[in-house]
C-alpha cells in the first residue's frame, strides 16, 4: 500500500469572485495543506478564522476551485480547521433562485 500523497495549494480568501473590489491588504493568501478533498468538499487549516459564507479560491491539480466556507473550528496552536463546499456558478444561481422563491 502506498502512503497518501500530501496535496498543497495556494488559498486566497476572500477570492475575487466574492468581491471584485476586495481590499488585498485584508485577504489571506497562503500556501496550505489540504486536509481532505472531494468532488464537492474541501478542508484546510487557516491561520485566521474565515467568515461563514466567504468564498475562497484554491488551485488543485491545475484546476481553479472556488469554494464557500461552511464551518470553522478552532485548533489551538494550529489554526482554524475550515470546511468548504465547492461552488459552481450554476449551483450558486440555483441556490439564489431557490432562496428567492422561498422568500416570496
N, C-alpha and C. Protein backbone atom coordinates (compact mmCIF):
# COMPACT_ATOMS: atom_id res chain seq x y z
N UNK A 1 0.83 -1.17 0.00
CA UNK A 1 0.00 0.00 0.00
C UNK A 1 0.88 1.25 0.00
N UNK A 2 0.57 2.20 -0.87
CA UNK A 2 1.36 3.42 -0.97
C UNK A 2 0.90 4.45 0.05
N UNK A 3 1.84 5.20 0.61
CA UNK A 3 1.43 6.25 1.55
C UNK A 3 0.64 7.34 0.82
N UNK A 4 -0.27 7.97 1.53
CA UNK A 4 -1.07 9.04 0.93
C UNK A 4 -0.17 10.20 0.55
N UNK A 5 -0.44 10.79 -0.58
CA UNK A 5 0.31 11.94 -1.04
C UNK A 5 -0.31 13.21 -0.48
N UNK A 6 0.51 14.07 0.07
CA UNK A 6 0.01 15.34 0.57
C UNK A 6 -0.28 16.26 -0.60
N UNK A 7 -1.36 17.01 -0.49
CA UNK A 7 -1.71 17.98 -1.52
C UNK A 7 -1.67 19.37 -0.88
N UNK A 8 -0.91 20.26 -1.48
CA UNK A 8 -0.78 21.63 -1.02
C UNK A 8 -1.32 22.56 -2.09
N UNK A 9 -1.83 23.71 -1.67
CA UNK A 9 -2.41 24.65 -2.63
C UNK A 9 -2.28 26.09 -2.13
N UNK A 10 -2.34 27.01 -3.08
CA UNK A 10 -2.44 28.43 -2.73
C UNK A 10 -3.91 28.72 -2.48
N UNK A 11 -4.19 29.35 -1.36
CA UNK A 11 -5.55 29.75 -0.99
C UNK A 11 -5.62 31.27 -0.97
N UNK A 12 -6.67 31.80 -1.55
CA UNK A 12 -6.94 33.24 -1.44
C UNK A 12 -8.33 33.38 -0.84
N UNK A 13 -8.41 34.10 0.27
CA UNK A 13 -9.68 34.25 0.97
C UNK A 13 -9.78 35.67 1.50
N UNK A 14 -10.76 36.47 1.16
CA UNK A 14 -11.80 36.15 0.18
C UNK A 14 -11.24 36.22 -1.23
N UNK A 15 -11.87 35.49 -2.13
CA UNK A 15 -11.40 35.49 -3.51
C UNK A 15 -12.10 36.59 -4.30
N UNK A 16 -11.58 36.89 -5.46
CA UNK A 16 -12.13 37.99 -6.28
C UNK A 16 -13.55 37.72 -6.74
N UNK A 17 -13.96 36.45 -6.82
CA UNK A 17 -15.33 36.14 -7.22
C UNK A 17 -16.31 36.60 -6.15
N UNK A 18 -15.85 36.67 -4.90
CA UNK A 18 -16.70 37.09 -3.79
C UNK A 18 -16.89 38.61 -3.81
N UNK A 19 -15.81 39.32 -4.07
CA UNK A 19 -15.85 40.78 -4.12
C UNK A 19 -14.74 41.27 -5.04
N UNK A 20 -15.08 41.61 -6.30
CA UNK A 20 -14.06 42.05 -7.25
C UNK A 20 -13.28 43.27 -6.77
N UNK A 21 -13.84 44.06 -5.86
CA UNK A 21 -13.18 45.26 -5.35
C UNK A 21 -12.56 45.03 -3.98
N UNK A 22 -12.38 43.78 -3.60
CA UNK A 22 -11.86 43.45 -2.27
C UNK A 22 -10.50 44.10 -2.05
N UNK A 23 -10.28 44.53 -0.83
CA UNK A 23 -9.02 45.14 -0.43
C UNK A 23 -8.00 44.03 -0.22
N UNK A 24 -6.97 44.00 -1.03
CA UNK A 24 -5.96 42.95 -0.95
C UNK A 24 -5.22 42.92 0.37
N UNK A 25 -5.22 44.04 1.11
CA UNK A 25 -4.49 44.07 2.38
C UNK A 25 -5.18 43.24 3.45
N UNK A 26 -6.46 42.93 3.27
CA UNK A 26 -7.17 42.13 4.27
C UNK A 26 -7.34 40.68 3.83
N UNK A 27 -6.93 40.36 2.61
CA UNK A 27 -7.07 38.99 2.10
C UNK A 27 -5.99 38.08 2.68
N UNK A 28 -6.36 36.83 2.84
CA UNK A 28 -5.40 35.81 3.24
C UNK A 28 -4.94 35.14 1.95
N UNK A 29 -3.64 35.07 1.74
CA UNK A 29 -3.10 34.37 0.58
C UNK A 29 -1.96 33.50 1.09
N UNK A 30 -2.23 32.20 1.20
CA UNK A 30 -1.28 31.29 1.83
C UNK A 30 -1.14 29.99 1.06
N UNK A 31 -0.01 29.35 1.24
CA UNK A 31 0.22 28.01 0.71
C UNK A 31 -0.10 27.05 1.85
N UNK A 32 -1.19 26.28 1.72
CA UNK A 32 -1.65 25.43 2.82
C UNK A 32 -1.83 23.98 2.36
N UNK A 33 -1.77 23.10 3.33
CA UNK A 33 -2.02 21.67 3.07
C UNK A 33 -3.53 21.43 3.08
N UNK A 34 -3.99 20.68 2.10
CA UNK A 34 -5.40 20.29 2.08
C UNK A 34 -5.54 19.06 2.97
N UNK A 35 -6.36 19.18 3.99
CA UNK A 35 -6.58 18.08 4.93
C UNK A 35 -7.44 16.99 4.31
N UNK A 36 -8.51 17.42 3.64
CA UNK A 36 -9.41 16.49 2.95
C UNK A 36 -9.93 17.17 1.70
N UNK A 37 -10.21 16.37 0.68
CA UNK A 37 -10.66 16.91 -0.60
C UNK A 37 -11.56 15.90 -1.28
N UNK A 38 -12.68 16.37 -1.82
CA UNK A 38 -13.55 15.50 -2.62
C UNK A 38 -14.10 16.34 -3.76
N UNK A 39 -14.96 15.75 -4.55
CA UNK A 39 -15.54 16.46 -5.68
C UNK A 39 -16.39 17.64 -5.23
N UNK A 40 -16.89 17.60 -3.98
CA UNK A 40 -17.79 18.65 -3.52
C UNK A 40 -17.29 19.41 -2.29
N UNK A 41 -16.27 18.89 -1.58
CA UNK A 41 -15.83 19.50 -0.32
C UNK A 41 -14.32 19.72 -0.30
N UNK A 42 -13.92 20.63 0.56
CA UNK A 42 -12.51 20.96 0.75
C UNK A 42 -12.33 21.29 2.22
N UNK A 43 -11.27 20.76 2.84
CA UNK A 43 -11.00 21.03 4.25
C UNK A 43 -9.54 21.45 4.38
N UNK A 44 -9.32 22.64 4.94
CA UNK A 44 -7.97 23.19 5.09
C UNK A 44 -7.83 23.80 6.48
N UNK A 45 -6.60 24.13 6.86
CA UNK A 45 -6.36 24.85 8.11
C UNK A 45 -5.83 26.23 7.76
N UNK A 46 -6.53 27.27 8.25
CA UNK A 46 -6.12 28.65 8.03
C UNK A 46 -5.63 29.26 9.33
N UNK A 47 -4.74 30.26 9.26
CA UNK A 47 -4.24 30.87 10.49
C UNK A 47 -5.25 31.78 11.17
N UNK A 48 -6.24 32.28 10.40
CA UNK A 48 -7.29 33.13 10.96
C UNK A 48 -8.65 32.53 10.63
N UNK A 49 -9.63 32.88 11.44
CA UNK A 49 -10.98 32.38 11.22
C UNK A 49 -11.59 33.07 10.00
N UNK A 50 -12.10 32.27 9.08
CA UNK A 50 -12.78 32.80 7.91
C UNK A 50 -14.27 32.90 8.22
N UNK A 51 -14.90 33.93 7.74
CA UNK A 51 -16.33 34.14 7.98
C UNK A 51 -17.14 33.11 7.19
N UNK A 52 -18.15 32.51 7.83
CA UNK A 52 -19.04 31.56 7.16
C UNK A 52 -19.68 32.26 5.97
N UNK A 53 -19.68 31.59 4.83
CA UNK A 53 -20.26 32.16 3.61
C UNK A 53 -19.23 32.81 2.70
N UNK A 54 -18.03 33.06 3.22
CA UNK A 54 -16.98 33.67 2.41
C UNK A 54 -16.53 32.71 1.32
N UNK A 55 -16.26 33.26 0.15
CA UNK A 55 -15.71 32.44 -0.93
C UNK A 55 -14.19 32.47 -0.85
N UNK A 56 -13.58 31.35 -1.16
CA UNK A 56 -12.13 31.30 -1.29
C UNK A 56 -11.79 30.57 -2.57
N UNK A 57 -10.59 30.78 -3.05
CA UNK A 57 -10.17 30.08 -4.26
C UNK A 57 -8.93 29.25 -3.94
N UNK A 58 -8.83 28.13 -4.63
CA UNK A 58 -7.70 27.22 -4.46
C UNK A 58 -7.38 26.62 -5.82
N UNK A 59 -6.11 26.38 -6.06
CA UNK A 59 -5.71 25.72 -7.30
C UNK A 59 -5.22 24.32 -6.94
N UNK A 60 -5.98 23.32 -7.37
CA UNK A 60 -5.67 21.93 -7.06
C UNK A 60 -5.49 21.17 -8.37
N UNK A 61 -4.32 20.60 -8.55
CA UNK A 61 -4.02 19.83 -9.77
C UNK A 61 -4.36 20.65 -11.02
N UNK A 62 -3.88 21.89 -11.08
CA UNK A 62 -4.07 22.80 -12.22
C UNK A 62 -5.52 23.17 -12.47
N UNK A 63 -6.39 23.01 -11.49
CA UNK A 63 -7.79 23.39 -11.61
C UNK A 63 -8.10 24.45 -10.56
N UNK A 64 -8.66 25.59 -11.00
CA UNK A 64 -9.06 26.62 -10.06
C UNK A 64 -10.40 26.24 -9.46
N UNK A 65 -10.44 26.16 -8.15
CA UNK A 65 -11.65 25.78 -7.43
C UNK A 65 -12.12 26.97 -6.61
N UNK A 66 -13.39 27.26 -6.70
CA UNK A 66 -14.00 28.28 -5.84
C UNK A 66 -14.88 27.52 -4.86
N UNK A 67 -14.71 27.84 -3.58
CA UNK A 67 -15.47 27.13 -2.54
C UNK A 67 -15.99 28.13 -1.52
N UNK A 68 -17.11 27.79 -0.90
CA UNK A 68 -17.73 28.64 0.12
C UNK A 68 -17.47 28.04 1.50
N UNK A 69 -17.02 28.86 2.43
CA UNK A 69 -16.76 28.42 3.80
C UNK A 69 -18.10 28.07 4.45
N UNK A 70 -18.19 26.83 4.97
CA UNK A 70 -19.43 26.37 5.59
C UNK A 70 -19.29 26.15 7.10
N UNK A 71 -18.07 25.97 7.59
CA UNK A 71 -17.86 25.75 9.03
C UNK A 71 -16.40 26.01 9.37
N UNK A 72 -16.17 26.44 10.61
CA UNK A 72 -14.81 26.62 11.11
C UNK A 72 -14.74 26.07 12.53
N UNK A 73 -13.57 25.59 12.88
CA UNK A 73 -13.37 25.04 14.23
C UNK A 73 -11.95 25.38 14.67
N UNK A 74 -11.83 25.96 15.84
CA UNK A 74 -10.53 26.34 16.36
C UNK A 74 -9.70 25.10 16.68
N UNK A 75 -8.46 25.13 16.27
CA UNK A 75 -7.48 24.09 16.61
C UNK A 75 -6.32 24.79 17.30
N UNK A 76 -6.36 24.86 18.65
CA UNK A 76 -5.33 25.59 19.40
C UNK A 76 -3.91 25.20 18.98
N UNK A 77 -3.10 26.22 18.74
CA UNK A 77 -1.72 26.01 18.35
C UNK A 77 -1.54 25.67 16.88
N UNK A 78 -2.63 25.45 16.16
CA UNK A 78 -2.55 25.07 14.75
C UNK A 78 -3.21 26.12 13.86
N UNK A 79 -4.43 26.52 14.21
CA UNK A 79 -5.18 27.48 13.40
C UNK A 79 -6.65 27.14 13.40
N UNK A 80 -7.31 27.41 12.28
CA UNK A 80 -8.75 27.18 12.14
C UNK A 80 -8.99 26.12 11.08
N UNK A 81 -9.56 24.98 11.49
CA UNK A 81 -9.96 23.95 10.55
C UNK A 81 -11.16 24.52 9.81
N UNK A 82 -11.06 24.62 8.51
CA UNK A 82 -12.06 25.31 7.70
C UNK A 82 -12.67 24.36 6.69
N UNK A 83 -13.98 24.15 6.80
CA UNK A 83 -14.74 23.29 5.88
C UNK A 83 -15.32 24.17 4.78
N UNK A 84 -15.21 23.71 3.55
CA UNK A 84 -15.72 24.47 2.41
C UNK A 84 -16.47 23.55 1.47
N UNK A 85 -17.44 24.13 0.79
CA UNK A 85 -18.20 23.41 -0.23
C UNK A 85 -17.88 24.04 -1.58
N UNK A 86 -17.52 23.20 -2.54
CA UNK A 86 -17.22 23.72 -3.88
C UNK A 86 -18.43 24.43 -4.46
N UNK A 87 -18.18 25.50 -5.17
CA UNK A 87 -19.25 26.29 -5.77
C UNK A 87 -19.02 26.35 -7.27
N UNK A 88 -20.09 26.17 -8.00
CA UNK A 88 -20.05 26.41 -9.44
C UNK A 88 -21.03 27.54 -9.70
N UNK A 89 -20.82 28.33 -10.73
CA UNK A 89 -21.76 29.43 -10.99
C UNK A 89 -23.21 28.94 -11.09
N UNK A 90 -23.43 27.79 -11.71
CA UNK A 90 -24.79 27.27 -11.85
C UNK A 90 -25.36 26.91 -10.49
N UNK A 91 -24.55 26.26 -9.63
CA UNK A 91 -25.01 25.85 -8.31
C UNK A 91 -25.40 27.08 -7.49
N UNK A 92 -24.58 28.13 -7.55
CA UNK A 92 -24.88 29.36 -6.83
C UNK A 92 -26.16 30.00 -7.34
N UNK A 93 -26.35 29.99 -8.66
CA UNK A 93 -27.56 30.57 -9.25
C UNK A 93 -28.80 29.81 -8.78
N UNK A 94 -28.73 28.48 -8.77
CA UNK A 94 -29.87 27.67 -8.32
C UNK A 94 -30.18 27.97 -6.86
N UNK A 95 -29.16 28.07 -6.01
CA UNK A 95 -29.37 28.38 -4.59
C UNK A 95 -30.05 29.73 -4.43
N UNK A 96 -29.57 30.73 -5.17
CA UNK A 96 -30.16 32.06 -5.07
C UNK A 96 -31.62 32.05 -5.52
N UNK A 97 -31.91 31.36 -6.61
CA UNK A 97 -33.28 31.29 -7.11
C UNK A 97 -34.18 30.55 -6.12
N UNK A 98 -33.68 29.48 -5.53
CA UNK A 98 -34.44 28.72 -4.54
C UNK A 98 -34.71 29.59 -3.32
N UNK A 99 -33.68 30.32 -2.87
CA UNK A 99 -33.84 31.21 -1.72
C UNK A 99 -34.87 32.29 -2.01
N UNK A 100 -34.81 32.88 -3.20
CA UNK A 100 -35.76 33.93 -3.55
C UNK A 100 -37.18 33.38 -3.64
N UNK A 101 -37.32 32.16 -4.17
CA UNK A 101 -38.64 31.54 -4.28
C UNK A 101 -39.22 31.29 -2.90
N UNK A 102 -38.40 30.82 -1.97
CA UNK A 102 -38.88 30.55 -0.60
C UNK A 102 -39.22 31.84 0.13
N UNK A 103 -38.52 32.91 -0.19
CA UNK A 103 -38.74 34.18 0.50
C UNK A 103 -40.04 34.85 0.05
N UNK A 104 -40.52 34.51 -1.14
CA UNK A 104 -41.72 35.17 -1.68
C UNK A 104 -42.97 34.60 -1.09
